[in-house]
Every structure is written in structure tokens, then in C-alpha cells.
Amino acid sequence: MDDKDRFGVSLEEQLAAYKAKIEAARAEAKDKGQDFFDRWSGDLEALLEKYDKARYKLTLLRKGGGDAMVELRHGMEQALTDLKSAFAKAKGKF
């Protein structure tokens, strides 16, 4: 397994963990009632959009090669950082 594959597997695991956290937050919001869920559904959707963006960048990273690898890797790391930051902010609201 080369560096690109190891990096991709690590990111895949991190993304899966964040997807599970987002789904858990969604379930928790639903458990708190429809009003609560409606109030925070926009934040949950924003988290899912950031997750989808990170997932897309991971797909590009896996398909990329050579010189594009460095740029794609940086983009993927930034997308994951954005997702982590958004999740931390949203989690404080729950």
C-alpha cells in the first residue's frame, strides 16, 4: 500500500466517524422535538454539505496522480478541517 492509499484509508475512516457523529446529532435533535429539530436542521444540513465536499475531494484525491496529488491532498485536508470545525461549532449548540 503506497502513501496515497494509506492517506486515503485514514481519511475514509475519519469521514466515516464524522458521518456517524452527524447522524447521531440528527437523531438527538429529532428526539428533542420537532421545534428543536427545525431550529437546527439548517446547521445539520450544512454539516452534511461539508461532509459531502470532503468526500468528493477524497474521490478526486484517489483518482489524482503525480503533481496533482499534492494539491488534492491539501484540498482534502482543508475540507476535513472545515468539517471538524463546523461540527465542533454545531455540537456546542446541542
Protein backbone atom coordinates (compact mmCIF):
# COMPACT_ATOMS: atom_id res chain seq x y z
CA MET A 1 0.00 0.00 0.00
CA ASP A 2 1.54 3.31 -1.06
CA ASP A 3 1.29 6.66 0.75
CA LYS A 4 -1.71 7.74 -1.29
CA ASP A 5 -3.64 4.60 -0.35
CA ARG A 6 -2.71 4.84 3.35
CA PHE A 7 -3.68 8.50 3.41
CA GLY A 8 -6.98 7.68 1.68
CA VAL A 9 -7.81 4.90 4.14
CA SER A 10 -7.08 7.19 7.08
CA LEU A 11 -9.30 9.90 5.63
CA GLU A 12 -12.01 7.38 4.84
CA GLU A 13 -12.06 6.31 8.49
CA GLN A 14 -12.17 9.92 9.69
CA LEU A 15 -15.01 10.76 7.31
CA ALA A 16 -16.96 7.70 8.41
CA ALA A 17 -16.58 8.78 12.04
CA TYR A 18 -17.85 12.28 11.24
CA LYS A 19 -20.78 10.90 9.23
CA ALA A 20 -21.74 8.79 12.26
CA LYS A 21 -21.47 11.85 14.53
CA ILE A 22 -23.65 13.91 12.19
CA GLU A 23 -26.28 11.17 12.08
CA ALA A 24 -26.16 10.86 15.89
CA ALA A 25 -26.63 14.64 16.22
CA ARG A 26 -29.57 14.46 13.80
CA ALA A 27 -31.17 11.68 15.86
CA GLU A 28 -30.57 13.62 19.08
CA ALA A 29 -32.17 16.73 17.57
CA LYS A 30 -35.21 14.71 16.48
CA ASP A 31 -35.51 13.23 19.97
CA LYS A 32 -35.67 16.75 21.43
CA GLY A 33 -38.79 17.53 19.43
CA GLN A 34 -39.83 18.94 16.11
CA ASP A 35 -39.29 22.59 17.13
CA PHE A 36 -35.73 21.87 18.21
CA PHE A 37 -35.06 19.85 15.08
CA ASP A 38 -36.49 22.56 12.82
CA ARG A 39 -34.34 25.19 14.53
CA TRP A 40 -31.12 23.23 13.95
CA SER A 41 -31.85 21.39 10.72
CA GLY A 42 -30.02 24.10 8.73
CA ASP A 43 -26.86 23.51 10.75
CA LEU A 44 -27.19 19.77 10.26
CA GLU A 45 -27.60 20.24 6.52
CA ALA A 46 -24.51 22.48 6.45
CA LEU A 47 -22.56 19.72 8.17
CA LEU A 48 -23.75 17.20 5.61
CA GLU A 49 -22.72 19.56 2.79
CA LYS A 50 -19.23 19.86 4.28
CA TYR A 51 -19.11 16.07 4.65
CA ASP A 52 -20.13 15.64 1.00
CA LYS A 53 -17.49 18.16 -0.10
CA ALA A 54 -14.79 16.31 1.86
CA ARG A 55 -15.98 13.01 0.42
CA TYR A 56 -15.81 14.43 -3.12
CA LYS A 57 -12.28 15.71 -2.52
CA LEU A 58 -11.27 12.27 -1.29
CA THR A 59 -12.61 10.79 -4.52
CA LEU A 60 -10.56 13.30 -6.52
CA LEU A 61 -7.52 12.50 -4.41
CA ARG A 62 -7.83 8.80 -5.14
CA LYS A 63 -8.13 9.44 -8.87
CA GLY A 64 -5.36 12.04 -8.99
CA GLY A 65 -1.74 11.37 -9.53
CA GLY A 66 1.63 12.98 -9.84
CA ASP A 67 1.75 16.75 -9.41
CA ALA A 68 -1.98 16.99 -8.75
CA MET A 69 -1.56 14.72 -5.72
CA VAL A 70 -0.04 17.46 -3.54
CA GLU A 71 -2.75 19.97 -4.41
CA LEU A 72 -5.54 17.44 -4.00
CA ARG A 73 -4.15 16.28 -0.67
CA HIS A 74 -4.05 19.86 0.60
CA GLY A 75 -7.64 20.40 -0.59
CA MET A 76 -8.77 17.24 1.15
CA GLU A 77 -7.06 18.19 4.39
CA GLN A 78 -8.70 21.65 4.25
CA ALA A 79 -12.13 20.12 3.63
CA LEU A 80 -11.68 17.80 6.60
CA THR A 81 -10.54 20.71 8.78
CA ASP A 82 -13.66 22.66 7.73
CA LEU A 83 -15.86 19.69 8.61
CA LYS A 84 -14.22 19.29 12.03
CA SER A 85 -14.60 23.00 12.78
CA ALA A 86 -18.24 23.11 11.69
CA PHE A 87 -19.03 20.02 13.73
CA ALA A 88 -17.40 21.47 16.84
CA LYS A 89 -19.44 24.68 16.48
CA ALA A 90 -22.69 22.81 15.86
CA LYS A 91 -22.09 20.36 18.70
CA GLY A 92 -21.93 23.25 21.16
CA LYS A 93 -25.48 24.21 20.18
CA PHE A 94 -26.86 20.83 21.16
